[in-house]
Amino acid sequence: MKTIVSICIALLVSVQVSGQDLFTSLTEKFGGKEGFSATNLTRDMFDLYLKKKQVDPGSPVSETLRKLDHILVVSQSAYVYGKPEEKPAVELSEIHNAILSHYKARSFTLFKTENRMGEDLKVYINKSGEKITSLALVTASATRMVLVELDGEIDLGSLADLGSTLNISGLENLSRISGRSGGPVVFRDFGDYSFYFGNDRLKQMEQMEQQMKVLNDLRSEEFLNKQKEWVEKNQEFAEKHKEFAQQQREMAERAREMAEKYGRHPIFLSAPGDTNMVYIIDGKKASAKEMKNLDPDRIATIEVIKTDKEKPSKKGEVRITTRK
């Protein structure tokens, strides 16, 4: 029993030293670079954070934190403020590879690997029996690299709330282990910023994107329908114009024939079929067809009675008598 306890203590001490060594090596090598950030918390600092955030000592977050011995958060941004020659940024691949090499050299087990939306995620763990004693989560995108390392007695299902409680940049990635995963979204129009969104938020964004696509499709369909309607109306207008032009040509040809026959241009009093004029041939009301088929050589007299302005309801008359 004493031997087992001694081994556990030795493992715990070696894990803490390993985390401290990584913090020291990374800050010494990359600490002077623009965009680098590192937070190293030990058990004696946890109570300070809990009091600062006014966390209930009996809450699940407090219980989770009490089981931990060490938290290390390291991040490196590729975005540089100011002139590059004044504040050179480190290549993300350099620090990323250094961190991965650290865990591979110390025989950590690769627990999870994922590549989603341009971000690479790897989770390494160390176990003592059935318990996870150390966990490292490493994420890297084109704009940001984040490492979160936890040492102690680790419950994977209770890690998500640590990020929101401690409010340390990078800890939000812990939600990706406990099932509430998400992904990074890069906004390049305002600089190469990368923000992390949970699954719920990503689904909302995907739904909004789908709704916008549907709206655009509807607008496109509506535009095409209106364009089709406009083309059909133009075609209808063109047909009517063509028909009217043909009627004009026929009337002009008829006028020419009558001018040649009678030696003068005819005067068209009204078009046959005009509802405002009544045609009477030899005392009988005539239809538009009868007027159209009437031979001009048979016309003896024409009498026109115009519409009375004082009696607009009374129609005008064209009275025609023919030769017997």
C-alpha atoms as a PDB file:
ATOM      1  CA  MET A   1       0.000   0.000   0.000  1.00  0.00           C
ATOM      2  CA  LYS A   2       2.826   2.372   0.890  1.00  0.00           C
ATOM      3  CA  THR A   3       4.482   1.552  -2.415  1.00  0.00           C
ATOM      4  CA  ILE A   4       1.296   2.416  -4.371  1.00  0.00           C
ATOM      5  CA  VAL A   5       0.881   5.721  -2.499  1.00  0.00           C
ATOM      6  CA  SER A   6       4.527   6.559  -3.133  1.00  0.00           C
ATOM      7  CA  ILE A   7       4.132   5.877  -6.848  1.00  0.00           C
ATOM      8  CA  CYS A   8       0.996   8.062  -7.066  1.00  0.00           C
ATOM      9  CA  ILE A   9       2.737  10.928  -5.270  1.00  0.00           C
ATOM     10  CA  ALA A  10       5.744  10.570  -7.554  1.00  0.00           C
ATOM     11  CA  LEU A  11       3.509  10.658 -10.635  1.00  0.00           C
ATOM     12  CA  LEU A  12       1.668  13.721  -9.355  1.00  0.00           C
ATOM     13  CA  VAL A  13       4.889  15.571  -8.630  1.00  0.00           C
ATOM     14  CA  SER A  14       6.339  14.635 -12.021  1.00  0.00           C
ATOM     15  CA  VAL A  15       3.178  15.888 -13.783  1.00  0.00           C
ATOM     16  CA  GLN A  16       3.305  19.226 -11.961  1.00  0.00           C
ATOM     17  CA  VAL A  17       6.994  19.588 -12.743  1.00  0.00           C
ATOM     18  CA  SER A  18       6.253  18.719 -16.380  1.00  0.00           C
ATOM     19  CA  GLY A  19       3.612  21.462 -16.592  1.00  0.00           C
ATOM     20  CA  GLN A  20       5.893  23.958 -14.873  1.00  0.00           C
ATOM     21  CA  ASP A  21       8.765  23.041 -17.203  1.00  0.00           C
ATOM     22  CA  LEU A  22       6.527  23.585 -20.257  1.00  0.00           C
ATOM     23  CA  PHE A  23       5.368  26.968 -18.941  1.00  0.00           C
ATOM     24  CA  THR A  24       8.973  28.015 -18.323  1.00  0.00           C
ATOM     25  CA  SER A  25      10.282  26.820 -21.690  1.00  0.00           C
ATOM     26  CA  LEU A  26       7.446  28.433 -23.670  1.00  0.00           C
ATOM     27  CA  THR A  27       7.627  31.786 -21.881  1.00  0.00           C
ATOM     28  CA  GLU A  28      11.413  31.897 -22.251  1.00  0.00           C
ATOM     29  CA  LYS A  29      11.264  31.133 -25.969  1.00  0.00           C
ATOM     30  CA  PHE A  30       8.088  32.927 -27.059  1.00  0.00           C
ATOM     31  CA  GLY A  31       7.238  35.340 -24.220  1.00  0.00           C
ATOM     32  CA  GLY A  32       8.726  38.335 -26.045  1.00  0.00           C
ATOM     33  CA  LYS A  33       6.675  37.760 -29.173  1.00  0.00           C
ATOM     34  CA  GLU A  34       3.624  39.848 -30.000  1.00  0.00           C
ATOM     35  CA  GLY A  35       0.376  37.931 -29.445  1.00  0.00           C
ATOM     36  CA  PHE A  36       1.784  35.528 -26.821  1.00  0.00           C
ATOM     37  CA  SER A  37      -0.105  34.924 -23.567  1.00  0.00           C
ATOM     38  CA  ALA A  38       0.423  32.422 -20.733  1.00  0.00           C
ATOM     39  CA  THR A  39      -1.414  31.797 -17.447  1.00  0.00           C
ATOM     40  CA  ASN A  40      -0.067  29.339 -14.864  1.00  0.00           C
ATOM     41  CA  LEU A  41      -2.346  28.613 -11.883  1.00  0.00           C
ATOM     42  CA  THR A  42      -1.556  26.337  -8.954  1.00  0.00           C
ATOM     43  CA  ARG A  43      -3.929  25.029  -6.287  1.00  0.00           C
ATOM     44  CA  ASP A  44      -3.150  27.885  -3.867  1.00  0.00           C
ATOM     45  CA  MET A  45      -4.444  30.394  -6.453  1.00  0.00           C
ATOM     46  CA  PHE A  46      -7.803  28.695  -7.088  1.00  0.00           C
ATOM     47  CA  ASP A  47      -9.518  30.090  -3.991  1.00  0.00           C
ATOM     48  CA  LEU A  48      -8.538  33.612  -5.060  1.00  0.00           C
ATOM     49  CA  TYR A  49     -10.267  33.117  -8.411  1.00  0.00           C
ATOM     50  CA  LEU A  50     -13.356  31.600  -6.811  1.00  0.00           C
ATOM     51  CA  LYS A  51     -13.710  34.525  -4.392  1.00  0.00           C
ATOM     52  CA  LYS A  52     -13.104  37.038  -7.173  1.00  0.00           C
ATOM     53  CA  LYS A  53     -15.852  35.482  -9.294  1.00  0.00           C
ATOM     54  CA  GLN A  54     -18.123  35.036  -6.244  1.00  0.00           C
ATOM     55  CA  VAL A  55     -18.578  31.327  -6.935  1.00  0.00           C
ATOM     56  CA  ASP A  56     -20.595  29.305  -4.433  1.00  0.00           C
ATOM     57  CA  PRO A  57     -18.178  26.966  -2.548  1.00  0.00           C
ATOM     58  CA  GLY A  58     -20.726  24.166  -2.903  1.00  0.00           C
ATOM     59  CA  SER A  59     -21.191  24.564  -6.654  1.00  0.00           C
ATOM     60  CA  PRO A  60     -20.093  21.883  -9.166  1.00  0.00           C
ATOM     61  CA  VAL A  61     -17.422  24.260 -10.475  1.00  0.00           C
ATOM     62  CA  SER A  62     -15.882  24.567  -7.018  1.00  0.00           C
ATOM     63  CA  GLU A  63     -15.931  20.793  -6.614  1.00  0.00           C
ATOM     64  CA  THR A  64     -14.211  20.343  -9.979  1.00  0.00           C
ATOM     65  CA  LEU A  65     -11.585  22.941  -9.161  1.00  0.00           C
ATOM     66  CA  ARG A  66     -10.796  21.389  -5.765  1.00  0.00           C
ATOM     67  CA  LYS A  67      -9.798  18.169  -7.506  1.00  0.00           C
ATOM     68  CA  LEU A  68      -7.276  19.970  -9.719  1.00  0.00           C
ATOM     69  CA  ASP A  69      -3.688  20.798  -8.800  1.00  0.00           C
ATOM     70  CA  HIS A  70      -2.589  22.873 -11.740  1.00  0.00           C
ATOM     71  CA  ILE A  71      -3.989  24.795 -14.743  1.00  0.00           C
ATOM     72  CA  LEU A  72      -1.826  26.036 -17.611  1.00  0.00           C
ATOM     73  CA  VAL A  73      -3.215  28.133 -20.481  1.00  0.00           C
ATOM     74  CA  VAL A  74      -0.968  29.300 -23.326  1.00  0.00           C
ATOM     75  CA  SER A  75      -2.114  31.134 -26.450  1.00  0.00           C
ATOM     76  CA  GLN A  76      -0.403  32.669 -29.441  1.00  0.00           C
ATOM     77  CA  SER A  77      -2.137  34.933 -31.957  1.00  0.00           C
ATOM     78  CA  ALA A  78      -0.857  35.404 -35.501  1.00  0.00           C
ATOM     79  CA  TYR A  79      -2.345  38.897 -35.743  1.00  0.00           C
ATOM     80  CA  VAL A  80       0.193  41.685 -35.148  1.00  0.00           C
ATOM     81  CA  TYR A  81      -0.656  45.164 -33.919  1.00  0.00           C
ATOM     82  CA  GLY A  82       1.577  47.970 -35.117  1.00  0.00           C
ATOM     83  CA  LYS A  83       4.441  47.612 -37.574  1.00  0.00           C
ATOM     84  CA  PRO A  84       5.673  44.039 -38.123  1.00  0.00           C
ATOM     85  CA  GLU A  85       9.315  45.107 -37.922  1.00  0.00           C
ATOM     86  CA  GLU A  86       8.684  46.606 -34.471  1.00  0.00           C
ATOM     87  CA  LYS A  87       6.707  43.659 -33.060  1.00  0.00           C
ATOM     88  CA  PRO A  88       7.474  40.490 -35.010  1.00  0.00           C
ATOM     89  CA  ALA A  89       4.932  37.701 -34.566  1.00  0.00           C
ATOM     90  CA  VAL A  90       5.983  34.103 -34.149  1.00  0.00           C
ATOM     91  CA  GLU A  91       5.009  31.486 -36.707  1.00  0.00           C
ATOM     92  CA  LEU A  92       2.130  29.521 -35.190  1.00  0.00           C
ATOM     93  CA  SER A  93       3.532  26.254 -36.526  1.00  0.00           C
ATOM     94  CA  GLU A  94       6.701  26.771 -34.467  1.00  0.00           C
ATOM     95  CA  ILE A  95       5.000  26.975 -31.075  1.00  0.00           C
ATOM     96  CA  HIS A  96       2.392  24.402 -32.111  1.00  0.00           C
ATOM     97  CA  ASN A  97       5.047  21.839 -33.031  1.00  0.00           C
ATOM     98  CA  ALA A  98       6.991  22.573 -29.836  1.00  0.00           C
ATOM     99  CA  ILE A  99       3.909  21.817 -27.718  1.00  0.00           C
ATOM    100  CA  LEU A 100       3.010  18.634 -29.604  1.00  0.00           C
ATOM    101  CA  SER A 101       6.601  17.393 -29.291  1.00  0.00           C
ATOM    102  CA  HIS A 102       6.470  18.012 -25.524  1.00  0.00           C
ATOM    103  CA  TYR A 103       3.499  15.675 -25.020  1.00  0.00           C
ATOM    104  CA  LYS A 104       4.739  13.022 -27.437  1.00  0.00           C
ATOM    105  CA  ALA A 105       8.103  12.909 -25.626  1.00  0.00           C
ATOM    106  CA  ARG A 106       6.375  12.374 -22.260  1.00  0.00           C
ATOM    107  CA  SER A 107       4.304   9.417 -23.441  1.00  0.00           C
ATOM    108  CA  PHE A 108       0.931  11.151 -23.258  1.00  0.00           C
ATOM    109  CA  THR A 109      -1.877   9.226 -24.965  1.00  0.00           C
ATOM    110  CA  LEU A 110      -3.664  10.904 -27.869  1.00  0.00           C
ATOM    111  CA  PHE A 111      -7.254  10.810 -26.631  1.00  0.00           C
ATOM    112  CA  LYS A 112      -8.989  12.802 -29.383  1.00  0.00           C
ATOM    113  CA  THR A 113      -8.058  14.405 -32.707  1.00  0.00           C
ATOM    114  CA  GLU A 114     -10.308  16.542 -34.883  1.00  0.00           C
ATOM    115  CA  ASN A 115      -9.960  18.842 -37.868  1.00  0.00           C
ATOM    116  CA  ARG A 116     -12.936  21.096 -38.343  1.00  0.00           C
ATOM    117  CA  MET A 117     -13.461  24.369 -40.223  1.00  0.00           C
ATOM    118  CA  GLY A 118      -9.725  24.892 -40.642  1.00  0.00           C
ATOM    119  CA  GLU A 119      -8.858  24.211 -36.987  1.00  0.00           C
ATOM    120  CA  ASP A 120      -6.799  21.261 -35.750  1.00  0.00           C
ATOM    121  CA  LEU A 121      -7.675  19.914 -32.285  1.00  0.00           C
ATOM    122  CA  LYS A 122      -5.777  17.323 -30.275  1.00  0.00           C
ATOM    123  CA  VAL A 123      -6.427  16.071 -26.733  1.00  0.00           C
ATOM    124  CA  TYR A 124      -3.693  14.220 -24.808  1.00  0.00           C
ATOM    125  CA  ILE A 125      -4.211  12.451 -21.475  1.00  0.00           C
ATOM    126  CA  ASN A 126      -2.197  10.690 -18.782  1.00  0.00           C
ATOM    127  CA  LYS A 127      -3.878   8.062 -16.602  1.00  0.00           C
ATOM    128  CA  SER A 128      -3.217   6.443 -13.260  1.00  0.00           C
ATOM    129  CA  GLY A 129      -5.306   3.299 -13.163  1.00  0.00           C
ATOM    130  CA  GLU A 130      -8.811   4.322 -14.230  1.00  0.00           C
ATOM    131  CA  LYS A 131      -8.346   7.993 -13.342  1.00  0.00           C
ATOM    132  CA  ILE A 132      -7.173  10.740 -15.679  1.00  0.00           C
ATOM    133  CA  THR A 133      -4.426  12.651 -13.886  1.00  0.00           C
ATOM    134  CA  SER A 134      -3.383  15.023 -16.645  1.00  0.00           C
ATOM    135  CA  LEU A 135      -5.065  16.418 -19.743  1.00  0.00           C
ATOM    136  CA  ALA A 136      -3.788  18.700 -22.504  1.00  0.00           C
ATOM    137  CA  LEU A 137      -6.015  20.251 -25.156  1.00  0.00           C
ATOM    138  CA  VAL A 138      -4.214  21.835 -28.121  1.00  0.00           C
ATOM    139  CA  THR A 139      -6.045  23.787 -30.842  1.00  0.00           C
ATOM    140  CA  ALA A 140      -4.450  25.494 -33.830  1.00  0.00           C
ATOM    141  CA  SER A 141      -5.974  27.478 -36.690  1.00  0.00           C
ATOM    142  CA  ALA A 142      -4.522  29.880 -39.232  1.00  0.00           C
ATOM    143  CA  THR A 143      -4.813  32.749 -36.761  1.00  0.00           C
ATOM    144  CA  ARG A 144      -4.492  31.325 -33.237  1.00  0.00           C
ATOM    145  CA  MET A 145      -2.955  28.488 -31.210  1.00  0.00           C
ATOM    146  CA  VAL A 146      -4.232  27.582 -27.722  1.00  0.00           C
ATOM    147  CA  LEU A 147      -2.998  25.080 -25.145  1.00  0.00           C
ATOM    148  CA  VAL A 148      -4.977  24.150 -22.027  1.00  0.00           C
ATOM    149  CA  GLU A 149      -3.339  21.737 -19.585  1.00  0.00           C
ATOM    150  CA  LEU A 150      -5.002  20.416 -16.412  1.00  0.00           C
ATOM    151  CA  ASP A 151      -3.376  18.306 -13.695  1.00  0.00           C
ATOM    152  CA  GLY A 152      -5.107  16.501 -10.826  1.00  0.00           C
ATOM    153  CA  GLU A 153      -8.206  14.325 -10.656  1.00  0.00           C
ATOM    154  CA  ILE A 154      -9.999  15.144 -13.908  1.00  0.00           C
ATOM    155  CA  ASP A 155     -13.675  14.509 -14.655  1.00  0.00           C
ATOM    156  CA  LEU A 156     -14.227  15.053 -18.389  1.00  0.00           C
ATOM    157  CA  GLY A 157     -17.940  15.692 -17.931  1.00  0.00           C
ATOM    158  CA  SER A 158     -17.465  18.682 -15.610  1.00  0.00           C
ATOM    159  CA  LEU A 159     -14.817  20.683 -17.468  1.00  0.00           C
ATOM    160  CA  ALA A 160     -17.055  22.895 -19.618  1.00  0.00           C
ATOM    161  CA  ASP A 161     -18.086  25.291 -16.818  1.00  0.00           C
ATOM    162  CA  LEU A 162     -14.501  26.084 -15.812  1.00  0.00           C
ATOM    163  CA  GLY A 163     -14.002  28.383 -18.808  1.00  0.00           C
ATOM    164  CA  SER A 164     -17.016  30.611 -18.115  1.00  0.00           C
ATOM    165  CA  THR A 165     -16.314  30.692 -14.370  1.00  0.00           C
ATOM    166  CA  LEU A 166     -12.596  31.498 -14.399  1.00  0.00           C
ATOM    167  CA  ASN A 167     -12.929  33.712 -17.494  1.00  0.00           C
ATOM    168  CA  ILE A 168      -9.472  32.865 -18.801  1.00  0.00           C
ATOM    169  CA  SER A 169      -9.113  33.108 -22.566  1.00  0.00           C
ATOM    170  CA  GLY A 170      -8.620  29.630 -24.001  1.00  0.00           C
ATOM    171  CA  LEU A 171     -10.503  27.704 -21.306  1.00  0.00           C
ATOM    172  CA  GLU A 172     -13.685  27.911 -23.403  1.00  0.00           C
ATOM    173  CA  ASN A 173     -12.186  25.121 -25.525  1.00  0.00           C
ATOM    174  CA  LEU A 174     -12.758  22.689 -22.641  1.00  0.00           C
ATOM    175  CA  SER A 175     -16.427  22.505 -23.646  1.00  0.00           C
ATOM    176  CA  ARG A 176     -15.328  20.572 -26.718  1.00  0.00           C
ATOM    177  CA  ILE A 177     -14.254  17.646 -24.550  1.00  0.00           C
ATOM    178  CA  SER A 178     -17.447  17.398 -22.515  1.00  0.00           C
ATOM    179  CA  GLY A 179     -19.686  17.137 -25.545  1.00  0.00           C
ATOM    180  CA  ARG A 180     -20.688  20.783 -25.990  1.00  0.00           C
ATOM    181  CA  SER A 181     -18.364  21.169 -28.924  1.00  0.00           C
ATOM    182  CA  GLY A 182     -18.249  23.994 -31.412  1.00  0.00           C
ATOM    183  CA  GLY A 183     -15.804  25.491 -33.838  1.00  0.00           C
ATOM    184  CA  PRO A 184     -13.824  28.570 -34.776  1.00  0.00           C
ATOM    185  CA  VAL A 185     -15.159  31.275 -37.066  1.00  0.00           C
ATOM    186  CA  VAL A 186     -12.634  33.530 -38.812  1.00  0.00           C
ATOM    187  CA  PHE A 187     -13.530  37.120 -39.726  1.00  0.00           C
ATOM    188  CA  ARG A 188     -10.952  38.234 -42.278  1.00  0.00           C
ATOM    189  CA  ASP A 189     -12.700  41.439 -43.375  1.00  0.00           C
ATOM    190  CA  PHE A 190     -11.627  43.072 -40.119  1.00  0.00           C
ATOM    191  CA  GLY A 191      -8.225  41.442 -39.774  1.00  0.00           C
ATOM    192  CA  ASP A 192      -7.411  37.792 -39.174  1.00  0.00           C
ATOM    193  CA  TYR A 193      -9.473  37.386 -36.020  1.00  0.00           C
ATOM    194  CA  SER A 194     -10.681  33.937 -35.002  1.00  0.00           C
ATOM    195  CA  PHE A 195     -13.570  33.571 -32.545  1.00  0.00           C
ATOM    196  CA  TYR A 196     -14.844  30.355 -30.974  1.00  0.00           C
ATOM    197  CA  PHE A 197     -18.549  29.569 -31.060  1.00  0.00           C
ATOM    198  CA  GLY A 198     -20.312  26.641 -29.432  1.00  0.00           C
ATOM    199  CA  ASN A 199     -22.476  24.184 -31.365  1.00  0.00           C
ATOM    200  CA  ASP A 200     -25.709  26.013 -30.536  1.00  0.00           C
ATOM    201  CA  ARG A 201     -24.325  29.256 -31.896  1.00  0.00           C
ATOM    202  CA  LEU A 202     -22.893  27.522 -34.962  1.00  0.00           C
ATOM    203  CA  LYS A 203     -26.282  25.928 -35.650  1.00  0.00           C
ATOM    204  CA  GLN A 204     -27.942  29.336 -35.354  1.00  0.00           C
ATOM    205  CA  MET A 205     -25.423  30.779 -37.802  1.00  0.00           C
ATOM    206  CA  GLU A 206     -25.973  27.875 -40.201  1.00  0.00           C
ATOM    207  CA  GLN A 207     -29.754  28.344 -39.940  1.00  0.00           C
ATOM    208  CA  MET A 208     -29.390  32.075 -40.606  1.00  0.00           C
ATOM    209  CA  GLU A 209     -27.163  31.323 -43.583  1.00  0.00           C
ATOM    210  CA  GLN A 210     -29.744  28.839 -44.897  1.00  0.00           C
ATOM    211  CA  GLN A 211     -32.555  31.365 -44.384  1.00  0.00           C
ATOM    212  CA  MET A 212     -30.569  34.005 -46.265  1.00  0.00           C
ATOM    213  CA  LYS A 213     -30.002  31.520 -49.085  1.00  0.00           C
ATOM    214  CA  VAL A 214     -33.733  30.747 -49.240  1.00  0.00           C
ATOM    215  CA  LEU A 215     -34.554  34.473 -49.276  1.00  0.00           C
ATOM    216  CA  ASN A 216     -32.029  35.072 -52.036  1.00  0.00           C
ATOM    217  CA  ASP A 217     -33.493  32.174 -54.000  1.00  0.00           C
ATOM    218  CA  LEU A 218     -37.006  33.559 -53.500  1.00  0.00           C
ATOM    219  CA  ARG A 219     -35.866  37.012 -54.562  1.00  0.00           C
ATOM    220  CA  SER A 220     -34.176  35.527 -57.603  1.00  0.00           C
ATOM    221  CA  GLU A 221     -37.321  33.534 -58.432  1.00  0.00           C
ATOM    222  CA  GLU A 222     -39.499  36.602 -57.909  1.00  0.00           C
ATOM    223  CA  PHE A 223     -37.197  38.647 -60.139  1.00  0.00           C
ATOM    224  CA  LEU A 224     -37.282  35.959 -62.845  1.00  0.00           C
ATOM    225  CA  ASN A 225     -41.086  35.779 -62.641  1.00  0.00           C
ATOM    226  CA  LYS A 226     -41.381  39.549 -62.946  1.00  0.00           C
ATOM    227  CA  GLN A 227     -38.914  39.551 -65.809  1.00  0.00           C
ATOM    228  CA  LYS A 228     -40.921  36.808 -67.545  1.00  0.00           C
ATOM    229  CA  GLU A 229     -44.155  38.748 -66.974  1.00  0.00           C
ATOM    230  CA  TRP A 230     -42.531  41.903 -68.368  1.00  0.00           C
ATOM    231  CA  VAL A 231     -41.337  40.012 -71.477  1.00  0.00           C
ATOM    232  CA  GLU A 232     -44.816  38.542 -72.011  1.00  0.00           C
ATOM    233  CA  LYS A 233     -46.433  41.986 -71.712  1.00  0.00           C
ATOM    234  CA  ASN A 234     -43.919  43.407 -74.162  1.00  0.00           C
ATOM    235  CA  GLN A 235     -44.657  40.583 -76.577  1.00  0.00           C
ATOM    236  CA  GLU A 236     -48.397  41.218 -76.208  1.00  0.00           C
ATOM    237  CA  PHE A 237     -47.870  44.929 -76.820  1.00  0.00           C
ATOM    238  CA  ALA A 238     -45.700  44.157 -79.845  1.00  0.00           C
ATOM    239  CA  GLU A 239     -48.425  41.892 -81.269  1.00  0.00           C
ATOM    240  CA  LYS A 240     -51.083  44.578 -80.772  1.00  0.00           C
ATOM    241  CA  HIS A 241     -48.815  47.174 -82.327  1.00  0.00           C
ATOM    242  CA  LYS A 242     -48.203  44.851 -85.276  1.00  0.00           C
ATOM    243  CA  GLU A 243     -51.960  44.293 -85.671  1.00  0.00           C
ATOM    244  CA  PHE A 244     -52.656  48.033 -85.490  1.00  0.00           C
ATOM    245  CA  ALA A 245     -49.937  48.737 -88.044  1.00  0.00           C
ATOM    246  CA  GLN A 246     -51.504  46.156 -90.379  1.00  0.00           C
ATOM    247  CA  GLN A 247     -54.910  47.833 -89.986  1.00  0.00           C
ATOM    248  CA  GLN A 248     -53.335  51.183 -90.775  1.00  0.00           C
ATOM    249  CA  ARG A 249     -51.752  49.765 -93.921  1.00  0.00           C
ATOM    250  CA  GLU A 250     -55.081  48.257 -94.993  1.00  0.00           C
ATOM    251  CA  MET A 251     -56.877  51.566 -94.420  1.00  0.00           C
ATOM    252  CA  ALA A 252     -54.203  53.434 -96.335  1.00  0.00           C
ATOM    253  CA  GLU A 253     -54.480  50.973 -99.232  1.00  0.00           C
ATOM    254  CA  ARG A 254     -58.267  51.290 -99.218  1.00  0.00           C
ATOM    255  CA  ALA A 255     -58.021  55.078 -99.168  1.00  0.00           C
ATOM    256  CA  ARG A 256     -55.634  54.969-102.123  1.00  0.00           C
ATOM    257  CA  GLU A 257     -57.995  52.744-104.099  1.00  0.00           C
ATOM    258  CA  MET A 258     -60.963  55.001-103.342  1.00  0.00           C
ATOM    259  CA  ALA A 259     -58.973  58.101-104.261  1.00  0.00           C
ATOM    260  CA  GLU A 260     -58.072  56.561-107.608  1.00  0.00           C
ATOM    261  CA  LYS A 261     -61.684  55.547-108.204  1.00  0.00           C
ATOM    262  CA  TYR A 262     -63.465  58.748-107.112  1.00  0.00           C
ATOM    263  CA  GLY A 263     -60.730  61.256-107.809  1.00  0.00           C
ATOM    264  CA  ARG A 264     -60.537  62.474-104.199  1.00  0.00           C
ATOM    265  CA  HIS A 265     -59.465  61.193-100.804  1.00  0.00           C
ATOM    266  CA  PRO A 266     -62.265  59.682 -98.710  1.00  0.00           C
ATOM    267  CA  ILE A 267     -63.332  61.032 -95.330  1.00  0.00           C
ATOM    268  CA  PHE A 268     -63.743  58.330 -92.667  1.00  0.00           C
ATOM    269  CA  LEU A 269     -66.572  59.417 -90.424  1.00  0.00           C
ATOM    270  CA  SER A 270     -66.308  56.473 -88.045  1.00  0.00           C
ATOM    271  CA  ALA A 271     -64.876  53.022 -87.989  1.00  0.00           C
ATOM    272  CA  PRO A 272     -67.424  50.206 -88.447  1.00  0.00           C
ATOM    273  CA  GLY A 273     -68.266  48.695 -85.113  1.00  0.00           C
ATOM    274  CA  ASP A 274     -67.970  51.981 -83.203  1.00  0.00           C
ATOM    275  CA  THR A 275     -70.393  51.655 -80.288  1.00  0.00           C
ATOM    276  CA  ASN A 276     -70.981  55.418 -80.212  1.00  0.00           C
ATOM    277  CA  MET A 277     -72.403  55.432 -83.744  1.00  0.00           C
ATOM    278  CA  VAL A 278     -75.432  53.673 -85.239  1.00  0.00           C
ATOM    279  CA  TYR A 279     -75.346  52.718 -88.914  1.00  0.00           C
ATOM    280  CA  ILE A 280     -78.613  52.632 -90.872  1.00  0.00           C
ATOM    281  CA  ILE A 281     -78.819  51.376 -94.450  1.00  0.00           C
ATOM    282  CA  ASP A 282     -82.062  52.058 -96.312  1.00  0.00           C
ATOM    283  CA  GLY A 283     -83.896  52.623 -93.022  1.00  0.00           C
ATOM    284  CA  LYS A 284     -82.615  49.462 -91.357  1.00  0.00           C
ATOM    285  CA  LYS A 285     -79.964  49.229 -88.647  1.00  0.00           C
ATOM    286  CA  ALA A 286     -76.837  47.635 -90.075  1.00  0.00           C
ATOM    287  CA  SER A 287     -74.089  45.655 -88.432  1.00  0.00           C
ATOM    288  CA  ALA A 288     -70.385  46.372 -88.687  1.00  0.00           C
ATOM    289  CA  LYS A 289     -70.018  43.432 -91.067  1.00  0.00           C
ATOM    290  CA  GLU A 290     -72.750  44.811 -93.351  1.00  0.00           C
ATOM    291  CA  MET A 291     -71.091  48.227 -93.375  1.00  0.00           C
ATOM    292  CA  LYS A 292     -67.744  46.676 -94.217  1.00  0.00           C
ATOM    293  CA  ASN A 293     -69.205  44.653 -97.091  1.00  0.00           C
ATOM    294  CA  LEU A 294     -71.205  47.578 -98.521  1.00  0.00           C
ATOM    295  CA  ASP A 295     -70.157  48.369-102.105  1.00  0.00           C
ATOM    296  CA  PRO A 296     -69.342  52.110-102.300  1.00  0.00           C
ATOM    297  CA  ASP A 297     -70.721  52.210-105.853  1.00  0.00           C
ATOM    298  CA  ARG A 298     -74.183  51.423-104.476  1.00  0.00           C
ATOM    299  CA  ILE A 299     -74.205  54.400-102.085  1.00  0.00           C
ATOM    300  CA  ALA A 300     -76.591  57.136-103.238  1.00  0.00           C
ATOM    301  CA  THR A 301     -76.607  59.435-100.186  1.00  0.00           C
ATOM    302  CA  ILE A 302     -74.995  59.653 -96.755  1.00  0.00           C
ATOM    303  CA  GLU A 303     -76.523  61.608 -93.870  1.00  0.00           C
ATOM    304  CA  VAL A 304     -74.591  62.050 -90.628  1.00  0.00           C
ATOM    305  CA  ILE A 305     -76.345  62.969 -87.387  1.00  0.00           C
ATOM    306  CA  LYS A 306     -73.735  63.797 -84.756  1.00  0.00           C
ATOM    307  CA  THR A 307     -74.020  62.931 -81.076  1.00  0.00           C
ATOM    308  CA  ASP A 308     -75.866  65.585 -79.053  1.00  0.00           C
ATOM    309  CA  LYS A 309     -73.518  66.946 -76.358  1.00  0.00           C
ATOM    310  CA  GLU A 310     -76.522  67.775 -74.178  1.00  0.00           C
ATOM    311  CA  LYS A 311     -77.743  64.194 -74.526  1.00  0.00           C
ATOM    312  CA  PRO A 312     -74.581  62.086 -74.344  1.00  0.00           C
ATOM    313  CA  SER A 313     -76.578  58.898 -73.912  1.00  0.00           C
ATOM    314  CA  LYS A 314     -78.073  59.312 -77.378  1.00  0.00           C
ATOM    315  CA  LYS A 315     -75.824  57.883 -80.067  1.00  0.00           C
ATOM    316  CA  GLY A 316     -75.024  59.479 -83.387  1.00  0.00           C
ATOM    317  CA  GLU A 317     -76.305  58.042 -86.650  1.00  0.00           C
ATOM    318  CA  VAL A 318     -74.958  57.448 -90.145  1.00  0.00           C
ATOM    319  CA  ARG A 319     -77.891  57.042 -92.545  1.00  0.00           C
ATOM    320  CA  ILE A 320     -77.105  55.599 -95.944  1.00  0.00           C
ATOM    321  CA  THR A 321     -79.411  55.130 -98.922  1.00  0.00           C
ATOM    322  CA  THR A 322     -78.437  52.896-101.796  1.00  0.00           C
ATOM    323  CA  ARG A 323     -79.233  52.962-105.488  1.00  0.00           C
ATOM    324  CA  LYS A 324     -82.111  50.722-106.505  1.00  0.00           C
END
